[in-house]
N, C-alpha and C. Protein backbone atom coordinates (compact mmCIF):
# COMPACT_ATOMS: atom_id res chain seq x y z
N MET A 1 207.82 -72.34 125.37
CA MET A 1 207.13 -72.86 125.80
C MET A 1 207.00 -74.27 126.65
N SER A 2 207.01 -74.93 127.67
CA SER A 2 207.04 -75.85 127.70
C SER A 2 206.20 -76.83 127.57
N TRP A 3 207.21 -78.06 127.45
CA TRP A 3 205.79 -79.46 126.79
C TRP A 3 205.10 -80.12 128.22
N PHE A 4 206.19 -79.77 129.38
CA PHE A 4 204.88 -80.55 130.50
C PHE A 4 203.74 -80.52 131.24
N PRO A 5 202.99 -78.93 131.26
CA PRO A 5 201.32 -78.66 131.23
C PRO A 5 201.16 -79.13 130.09
N ILE A 6 201.36 -79.35 129.07
CA ILE A 6 200.51 -79.92 128.47
C ILE A 6 200.85 -81.48 128.39
N SER A 7 201.65 -82.15 128.53
CA SER A 7 201.55 -83.69 128.48
C SER A 7 201.06 -84.14 129.72
N THR A 8 201.17 -83.20 130.99
CA THR A 8 200.48 -83.56 132.13
C THR A 8 198.69 -83.55 132.05
N LEU A 9 198.78 -82.34 130.93
CA LEU A 9 196.71 -82.35 131.11
C LEU A 9 196.50 -83.14 129.94
N VAL A 10 197.02 -83.88 128.88
CA VAL A 10 196.61 -84.86 128.22
C VAL A 10 196.60 -86.71 128.66
N THR A 11 197.92 -86.46 129.64
CA THR A 11 197.64 -87.80 130.55
C THR A 11 195.95 -87.88 131.84
N ARG A 12 196.34 -86.28 132.23
CA ARG A 12 194.68 -86.43 133.15
C ARG A 12 193.64 -87.06 132.14
N ASN A 13 193.58 -86.34 130.83
CA ASN A 13 192.34 -86.43 130.02
C ASN A 13 191.83 -87.40 129.49
N ALA A 14 193.26 -88.82 129.30
CA ALA A 14 193.15 -89.91 129.28
C ALA A 14 192.69 -90.72 129.76
N MET A 15 193.25 -90.81 130.90
CA MET A 15 193.02 -91.37 132.40
C MET A 15 191.56 -91.71 132.97
N GLN A 16 190.63 -90.48 132.33
CA GLN A 16 189.22 -90.19 133.03
C GLN A 16 188.15 -90.52 131.95
N ARG A 17 187.15 -90.48 132.41
CA ARG A 17 186.08 -91.32 131.58
C ARG A 17 185.72 -89.82 130.90
N PRO A 18 184.86 -89.85 129.77
CA PRO A 18 184.40 -89.06 128.40
C PRO A 18 183.34 -87.72 129.80
N ALA A 19 183.44 -86.75 129.34
CA ALA A 19 182.15 -85.86 129.89
C ALA A 19 181.16 -86.08 129.61
N THR A 20 180.93 -86.64 128.54
CA THR A 20 179.31 -86.87 128.03
C THR A 20 179.56 -88.00 127.80
N ARG A 21 177.46 -88.06 127.70
CA ARG A 21 177.07 -89.82 127.98
C ARG A 21 177.45 -89.94 126.65
N LEU A 22 176.95 -91.62 126.84
CA LEU A 22 176.95 -92.16 125.37
C LEU A 22 175.64 -92.47 124.92
N TYR A 23 174.79 -91.12 124.80
CA TYR A 23 173.10 -91.43 124.48
C TYR A 23 173.02 -92.28 123.54
N PRO A 24 172.32 -92.78 122.94
CA PRO A 24 170.86 -93.32 123.74
C PRO A 24 171.61 -94.51 124.68
N PHE A 25 172.81 -94.87 124.74
CA PHE A 25 172.82 -96.48 125.74
C PHE A 25 173.51 -95.89 127.21
N GLU A 26 173.52 -95.02 127.45
CA GLU A 26 173.66 -94.72 128.41
C GLU A 26 172.79 -93.05 128.92
N GLN A 27 171.43 -93.34 129.58
CA GLN A 27 170.90 -92.77 129.62
C GLN A 27 170.54 -91.77 131.64
N ARG A 28 170.63 -90.54 131.50
CA ARG A 28 170.71 -89.95 133.01
C ARG A 28 169.44 -90.30 133.52
N THR A 29 169.25 -90.49 134.89
CA THR A 29 168.24 -90.76 135.56
C THR A 29 167.46 -89.52 135.76
N PRO A 30 166.14 -89.39 135.85
CA PRO A 30 165.45 -87.61 135.79
C PRO A 30 165.63 -87.05 136.88
N TYR A 31 165.75 -86.01 136.87
CA TYR A 31 165.85 -84.81 137.77
C TYR A 31 163.92 -85.08 138.49
N ALA A 32 164.31 -84.56 139.91
CA ALA A 32 163.06 -84.48 140.36
C ALA A 32 161.65 -83.13 139.63
N ARG A 33 160.88 -84.15 139.86
CA ARG A 33 160.04 -82.84 139.53
C ARG A 33 159.92 -82.47 137.94
N THR A 34 160.91 -83.58 137.31
CA THR A 34 160.83 -83.53 135.64
C THR A 34 159.62 -83.74 135.07
N ARG A 35 159.29 -83.02 133.80
CA ARG A 35 158.14 -83.47 132.97
C ARG A 35 158.82 -84.01 131.87
N GLY A 36 158.03 -85.28 131.97
CA GLY A 36 158.71 -86.41 130.65
C GLY A 36 157.39 -86.18 129.18
N HIS A 37 156.79 -86.48 129.89
CA HIS A 37 155.29 -87.47 128.64
C HIS A 37 154.04 -87.47 129.30
N VAL A 38 152.89 -87.43 128.31
CA VAL A 38 151.26 -87.39 128.28
C VAL A 38 151.28 -88.46 128.47
N ALA A 39 150.89 -89.84 129.91
CA ALA A 39 150.47 -90.81 129.41
C ALA A 39 148.38 -90.97 129.94
N PHE A 40 148.45 -91.70 128.78
CA PHE A 40 146.63 -92.16 129.02
C PHE A 40 146.32 -93.26 128.94
N ALA A 41 145.16 -93.45 129.79
CA ALA A 41 144.88 -94.73 129.79
C ALA A 41 143.11 -94.88 129.31
N ILE A 42 143.12 -95.52 128.31
CA ILE A 42 141.65 -95.31 127.93
C ILE A 42 140.65 -96.33 128.51
N ASP A 43 141.11 -97.24 129.55
CA ASP A 43 139.89 -97.86 130.23
C ASP A 43 139.25 -96.98 131.03
N ASN A 44 139.64 -95.65 131.46
CA ASN A 44 138.63 -95.15 132.07
C ASN A 44 138.32 -94.08 131.36
N CYS A 45 138.69 -93.13 130.39
CA CYS A 45 138.34 -92.59 129.75
C CYS A 45 136.68 -93.14 129.44
N ASP A 46 135.85 -91.25 129.45
CA ASP A 46 134.37 -91.43 128.80
C ASP A 46 134.58 -90.26 127.74
N PHE A 47 135.60 -90.24 127.36
CA PHE A 47 135.44 -89.07 126.00
C PHE A 47 134.98 -87.89 125.87
N CYS A 48 135.04 -87.53 127.18
CA CYS A 48 134.26 -86.18 127.29
C CYS A 48 134.95 -84.90 126.53
N THR A 49 136.12 -85.03 126.04
CA THR A 49 136.89 -83.82 125.42
C THR A 49 137.51 -82.83 125.92
N VAL A 50 136.73 -83.05 127.27
CA VAL A 50 137.85 -81.57 128.38
C VAL A 50 139.14 -81.39 128.23
N CYS A 51 139.88 -82.54 127.89
CA CYS A 51 141.23 -82.25 127.38
C CYS A 51 141.36 -81.26 126.62
N ALA A 52 140.87 -82.02 125.61
CA ALA A 52 141.20 -81.40 123.92
C ALA A 52 140.60 -79.91 124.39
N VAL A 53 139.97 -78.87 124.16
CA VAL A 53 139.53 -78.12 125.01
C VAL A 53 140.57 -77.52 125.85
N LYS A 54 140.42 -78.02 126.85
CA LYS A 54 141.65 -77.32 127.08
C LYS A 54 142.90 -77.22 126.67
N CYS A 55 143.21 -77.88 125.80
CA CYS A 55 144.79 -77.96 125.46
C CYS A 55 145.01 -76.92 124.09
N PRO A 56 145.93 -75.79 124.47
CA PRO A 56 146.55 -74.55 124.31
C PRO A 56 146.63 -74.34 122.72
N THR A 57 147.60 -76.05 122.52
CA THR A 57 148.34 -75.58 121.57
C THR A 57 147.56 -77.12 120.41
N ARG A 58 146.28 -77.54 120.74
CA ARG A 58 145.56 -78.40 120.13
C ARG A 58 146.27 -79.71 119.70
N ALA A 59 146.96 -80.00 120.02
CA ALA A 59 147.87 -81.22 120.50
C ALA A 59 146.88 -82.62 120.71
N ILE A 60 146.00 -82.18 121.70
CA ILE A 60 145.17 -83.61 122.10
C ILE A 60 143.68 -83.19 120.86
N VAL A 61 143.42 -84.46 120.21
CA VAL A 61 142.39 -84.37 119.28
C VAL A 61 141.42 -85.86 119.96
N ALA A 62 139.85 -85.31 120.72
CA ALA A 62 139.29 -86.57 120.81
C ALA A 62 137.78 -86.51 120.49
N SER A 63 137.82 -87.83 120.06
CA SER A 63 136.08 -88.03 119.52
C SER A 63 135.06 -88.83 120.82
N LYS A 64 134.10 -88.19 121.28
CA LYS A 64 133.35 -89.28 121.53
C LYS A 64 132.31 -89.88 120.85
N LYS A 65 132.16 -89.39 119.31
CA LYS A 65 131.58 -90.16 118.74
C LYS A 65 132.11 -91.54 118.09
N ASP A 66 133.19 -91.61 117.83
CA ASP A 66 134.30 -92.35 117.26
C ASP A 66 134.90 -93.12 118.51
N ARG A 67 135.14 -92.74 119.61
CA ARG A 67 135.55 -92.89 121.02
C ARG A 67 137.50 -93.10 120.84
N THR A 68 137.54 -92.31 119.97
CA THR A 68 139.10 -92.47 120.08
C THR A 68 140.12 -90.45 120.61
N TRP A 69 141.11 -90.78 120.92
CA TRP A 69 141.95 -90.36 121.56
C TRP A 69 143.25 -90.08 121.21
N ALA A 70 143.93 -88.92 120.89
CA ALA A 70 144.96 -88.79 120.21
C ALA A 70 145.90 -87.72 120.27
N ILE A 71 147.04 -87.69 120.58
CA ILE A 71 147.96 -86.80 121.22
C ILE A 71 148.81 -86.51 120.23
N ASP A 72 149.42 -85.18 120.24
CA ASP A 72 150.44 -84.89 118.80
C ASP A 72 152.05 -85.20 120.00
N HIS A 73 152.62 -85.53 119.87
CA HIS A 73 154.18 -84.92 121.28
C HIS A 73 154.26 -84.11 120.85
N SER A 74 155.02 -83.39 119.06
CA SER A 74 155.46 -82.66 118.97
C SER A 74 154.93 -81.12 119.17
N LEU A 75 153.70 -80.96 119.25
CA LEU A 75 152.75 -79.92 119.71
C LEU A 75 152.59 -79.81 120.95
N CYS A 76 152.56 -80.83 121.66
CA CYS A 76 152.42 -80.88 123.58
C CYS A 76 153.33 -79.90 124.13
N ILE A 77 153.42 -79.12 125.25
CA ILE A 77 153.91 -78.08 125.56
C ILE A 77 154.41 -78.70 127.34
N LEU A 78 153.58 -79.27 127.37
CA LEU A 78 153.91 -80.27 128.86
C LEU A 78 153.07 -79.15 129.98
N CYS A 79 151.89 -78.58 129.65
CA CYS A 79 151.52 -77.20 130.69
C CYS A 79 150.20 -78.15 131.54
N GLU A 80 149.94 -79.13 131.46
CA GLU A 80 149.20 -79.82 132.16
C GLU A 80 147.54 -79.57 132.33
N ASN A 81 147.40 -78.66 131.23
CA ASN A 81 145.72 -77.90 131.56
C ASN A 81 145.32 -79.24 131.28
N CYS A 82 145.55 -80.25 130.33
CA CYS A 82 144.82 -81.32 130.34
C CYS A 82 144.31 -82.53 131.25
N ILE A 83 145.31 -82.36 131.71
CA ILE A 83 145.39 -83.31 133.33
C ILE A 83 144.45 -82.53 134.99
N GLU A 84 144.61 -81.57 134.43
CA GLU A 84 144.16 -80.75 135.71
C GLU A 84 142.49 -81.13 135.27
N GLY A 85 142.20 -80.96 133.54
CA GLY A 85 140.90 -80.72 133.45
C GLY A 85 140.38 -82.10 133.60
N CYS A 86 140.74 -83.45 133.25
CA CYS A 86 140.27 -84.48 133.06
C CYS A 86 139.70 -84.97 134.32
N ARG A 87 138.46 -85.53 134.45
CA ARG A 87 137.30 -85.70 135.70
C ARG A 87 137.55 -87.25 135.79
N GLU A 88 137.90 -88.21 135.09
CA GLU A 88 138.08 -89.44 135.08
C GLU A 88 139.44 -89.80 135.92
N GLY A 89 140.60 -88.94 135.60
CA GLY A 89 141.71 -89.14 136.24
C GLY A 89 142.77 -90.28 134.68
N CYS A 90 142.37 -90.19 134.20
CA CYS A 90 143.11 -90.73 132.89
C CYS A 90 144.10 -90.56 132.00
N ILE A 91 144.50 -89.03 132.34
CA ILE A 91 145.89 -88.56 131.86
C ILE A 91 146.37 -88.07 133.15
N THR A 92 148.00 -88.33 132.73
CA THR A 92 148.84 -88.09 134.00
C THR A 92 150.45 -88.12 133.24
N LEU A 93 150.77 -87.68 134.08
CA LEU A 93 152.12 -87.29 133.78
C LEU A 93 153.23 -87.85 134.02
N SER A 94 154.04 -88.20 133.19
CA SER A 94 155.11 -89.56 133.73
C SER A 94 156.43 -88.55 133.31
N ASP A 95 157.39 -88.82 134.66
CA ASP A 95 158.73 -88.63 134.26
C ASP A 95 159.43 -89.03 134.21
N LYS A 96 159.55 -89.81 132.94
CA LYS A 96 160.73 -90.63 131.88
C LYS A 96 160.02 -89.98 130.35
N PRO A 97 161.54 -88.98 129.59
CA PRO A 97 161.24 -88.27 128.75
C PRO A 97 160.32 -89.28 127.09
N TRP A 98 159.96 -88.20 126.49
CA TRP A 98 159.60 -89.49 125.54
C TRP A 98 160.72 -89.25 124.37
N PRO A 99 160.91 -90.76 123.38
CA PRO A 99 161.84 -91.04 122.87
C PRO A 99 162.17 -89.69 121.79
N PRO A 100 163.10 -89.84 121.23
CA PRO A 100 163.24 -88.50 119.96
C PRO A 100 162.45 -89.46 119.12
N MET A 101 161.97 -87.86 118.21
CA MET A 101 161.39 -88.40 117.42
C MET A 101 162.32 -87.94 116.09
N LEU A 102 161.94 -88.78 114.92
CA LEU A 102 162.66 -88.35 113.51
C LEU A 102 161.24 -88.19 112.88
N ALA A 103 160.22 -88.05 113.18
CA ALA A 103 158.96 -87.61 112.16
C ALA A 103 158.07 -87.52 112.72
N LYS A 104 157.17 -86.49 112.60
CA LYS A 104 156.01 -86.34 113.55
C LYS A 104 155.19 -87.66 114.19
N ASP A 105 155.42 -87.37 115.15
CA ASP A 105 154.20 -88.75 115.68
C ASP A 105 153.16 -88.29 116.77
N VAL A 106 151.84 -89.33 115.79
CA VAL A 106 150.49 -88.84 117.02
C VAL A 106 150.39 -90.29 117.28
N LEU A 107 150.37 -90.49 118.21
CA LEU A 107 149.84 -91.33 119.38
C LEU A 107 148.16 -91.22 119.57
N GLY A 108 148.15 -91.98 118.80
CA GLY A 108 146.11 -92.60 119.06
C GLY A 108 145.91 -93.61 119.50
N PHE A 109 144.78 -93.76 119.85
CA PHE A 109 143.91 -94.25 120.75
C PHE A 109 142.49 -95.02 120.50
N ARG A 110 141.93 -96.10 120.61
CA ARG A 110 140.29 -96.36 120.18
C ARG A 110 140.09 -96.69 121.12
N GLN A 111 138.67 -97.24 121.78
CA GLN A 111 138.32 -97.91 122.95
C GLN A 111 137.62 -98.83 121.59
N ALA A 112 137.43 -100.07 122.34
CA ALA A 112 136.68 -101.12 121.11
C ALA A 112 134.92 -100.56 121.78
N PHE A 113 134.27 -100.98 120.66
CA PHE A 113 132.83 -100.34 121.41
C PHE A 113 132.28 -101.51 121.49
N GLU A 114 130.79 -101.56 122.47
CA GLU A 114 130.84 -102.22 123.48
C GLU A 114 129.26 -103.24 123.19
N SER A 115 129.14 -104.05 122.78
CA SER A 115 127.65 -104.15 121.80
C SER A 115 126.44 -104.25 123.51
N PRO A 116 125.79 -103.64 122.86
CA PRO A 116 124.14 -104.07 123.93
C PRO A 116 124.02 -105.04 124.39
N ALA A 117 123.57 -105.24 125.64
CA ALA A 117 122.82 -106.56 126.25
C ALA A 117 121.81 -106.52 125.61
N VAL A 118 121.30 -107.63 125.55
CA VAL A 118 119.86 -107.77 124.45
C VAL A 118 119.02 -109.08 125.61
């Protein structure tokens, strides 16, 4: 066995960049039509709870009485049922991925109560 093919392989690999990325320092740009995560704008929401009813995995919990909205990203399958059911358009799908989770992460929103005008 000759040492020449092995030495050329080692030299070529030493001169090139690594085949992998140094995640999370180097992140790739998302592909077209990538599903990232569900984004929510509380200012437009009227808390009709249609999104929570349409969610097949029960990842969304909404309360009209408490004016709260919460999503568990570990349960969400990005099916877009909540986006299609939202009448106000306050739920959108972002193309950026949700950061890696080390523990169960529930993202909650609470709208401030408006005092009645007297």
